[in-house]
Amino acid sequence: MPKDLVGICPKCSLPIELCVCESLAQEDQKITITIDKRKWGKLTSVVNFSNFQGANLKKIAKKAKSFCASGGTVKGNSIEIQGDHRKKLKQFLLKLGYAEENIEII
């Protein structure tokens, strides 16, 4: 990459500091939050991102685990958090800037 293009986003062609790719991806994102019953009757909250583009899921999962004070993992386009944290996860996603009408709790 030439020296004059270092620090420029390849998607939106703006400087990295002014990049809008992540916020545009948040507006189009459809998110469903469900509960899943696992082995031995344990509950797991699953946040499924459809058409996920942009932000790093592992970074979001790390913040979500800290917010819910629970363990979890990333599998494909979804984040799994141990326990029933559906309402907390919705508030967490709203805090990150995702639109409320795009988040559905099932």
Protein backbone atom coordinates (compact mmCIF):
# COMPACT_ATOMS: atom_id res chain seq x y z
CA MET A 1 0.00 0.00 0.00
CA PRO A 2 1.44 3.45 -0.88
CA LYS A 3 2.46 5.71 1.99
CA ASP A 4 -0.18 8.32 1.15
CA LEU A 5 -3.02 5.71 1.45
CA VAL A 6 -2.01 4.39 4.87
CA GLY A 7 -4.76 5.23 7.35
CA ILE A 8 -7.54 5.32 4.72
CA CYS A 9 -10.47 2.90 4.95
CA PRO A 10 -10.65 0.70 1.83
CA LYS A 11 -14.49 0.55 1.97
CA CYS A 12 -15.56 4.16 2.45
CA SER A 13 -12.32 5.92 1.36
CA LEU A 14 -12.31 8.12 4.45
CA PRO A 15 -9.46 8.45 6.95
CA ILE A 16 -9.56 5.72 9.61
CA GLU A 17 -10.45 8.31 12.27
CA LEU A 18 -13.58 9.34 10.30
CA CYS A 19 -14.56 5.89 9.00
CA VAL A 20 -18.35 5.35 8.91
CA CYS A 21 -18.43 1.69 7.81
CA GLU A 22 -19.22 0.34 11.28
CA SER A 23 -22.08 2.76 11.93
CA LEU A 24 -23.60 2.05 8.49
CA ALA A 25 -23.42 -1.68 9.19
CA GLN A 26 -25.20 -1.16 12.53
CA GLU A 27 -28.17 0.55 10.85
CA ASP A 28 -28.84 -2.38 8.48
CA GLN A 29 -28.24 -5.14 11.03
CA LYS A 30 -31.09 -7.48 12.03
CA ILE A 31 -30.47 -9.00 15.47
CA THR A 32 -32.42 -11.72 17.25
CA ILE A 33 -31.87 -12.61 20.89
CA THR A 34 -33.08 -16.07 21.89
CA ILE A 35 -32.72 -18.45 24.80
CA ASP A 36 -31.40 -21.96 24.35
CA LYS A 37 -31.61 -24.79 26.87
CA ARG A 38 -28.40 -26.81 27.00
CA LYS A 39 -27.19 -29.95 28.65
CA TRP A 40 -28.21 -30.37 32.31
CA GLY A 41 -30.92 -27.70 31.93
CA LYS A 42 -28.52 -24.76 31.70
CA LEU A 43 -29.75 -21.68 29.82
CA THR A 44 -27.75 -19.83 27.19
CA SER A 45 -28.62 -16.47 25.60
CA VAL A 46 -27.87 -16.43 21.87
CA VAL A 47 -27.47 -13.14 19.97
CA ASN A 48 -27.74 -13.88 16.25
CA PHE A 49 -26.51 -11.24 13.77
CA SER A 50 -27.96 -11.73 10.28
CA ASN A 51 -25.97 -10.25 7.37
CA PHE A 52 -23.11 -9.40 9.74
CA GLN A 53 -20.57 -7.03 8.22
CA GLY A 54 -18.18 -4.55 9.68
CA ALA A 55 -17.36 -4.72 13.36
CA ASN A 56 -15.43 -7.49 15.02
CA LEU A 57 -17.75 -10.01 16.72
CA LYS A 58 -15.08 -11.13 19.16
CA LYS A 59 -14.68 -7.57 20.43
CA ILE A 60 -18.46 -7.20 20.87
CA ALA A 61 -18.62 -10.59 22.64
CA LYS A 62 -15.88 -9.60 25.05
CA LYS A 63 -17.76 -6.42 26.00
CA ALA A 64 -21.08 -8.33 26.26
CA LYS A 65 -19.56 -10.92 28.59
CA SER A 66 -18.21 -8.15 30.80
CA PHE A 67 -21.57 -6.31 30.75
CA CYS A 68 -23.48 -9.47 31.75
CA ALA A 69 -20.77 -10.70 34.15
CA SER A 70 -20.89 -14.11 32.52
CA GLY A 71 -18.94 -16.39 30.22
CA GLY A 72 -19.61 -16.89 26.55
CA THR A 73 -18.28 -17.55 23.08
CA VAL A 74 -18.59 -16.61 19.40
CA LYS A 75 -19.90 -19.20 16.94
CA GLY A 76 -20.37 -18.17 13.33
CA ASN A 77 -22.58 -15.06 13.21
CA SER A 78 -23.78 -15.41 16.78
CA ILE A 79 -22.64 -14.69 20.32
CA GLU A 80 -23.54 -17.15 23.08
CA ILE A 81 -23.66 -15.88 26.68
CA GLN A 82 -24.17 -18.27 29.60
CA GLY A 83 -27.43 -17.65 31.47
CA ASP A 84 -30.67 -15.82 30.68
CA HIS A 85 -29.50 -12.27 29.84
CA ARG A 86 -31.94 -11.33 27.05
CA LYS A 87 -32.99 -7.95 28.47
CA LYS A 88 -29.43 -7.03 29.49
CA LEU A 89 -28.14 -7.92 26.03
CA LYS A 90 -30.78 -5.74 24.36
CA GLN A 91 -29.76 -2.78 26.53
CA PHE A 92 -26.11 -3.53 25.78
CA LEU A 93 -26.74 -3.50 22.01
CA LEU A 94 -28.71 -0.25 22.29
CA LYS A 95 -25.77 1.24 24.18
CA LEU A 96 -23.46 0.19 21.32
CA GLY A 97 -25.64 2.11 18.84
CA TYR A 98 -27.80 -0.57 17.24
CA ALA A 99 -31.36 0.54 16.41
CA GLU A 100 -34.11 -0.71 18.75
CA GLU A 101 -36.43 -1.65 15.88
CA ASN A 102 -33.73 -4.01 14.52
CA ILE A 103 -33.38 -5.95 17.78
CA GLU A 104 -35.93 -8.70 18.46
CA ILE A 105 -36.19 -10.79 21.62
CA ILE A 106 -37.74 -14.22 21.07
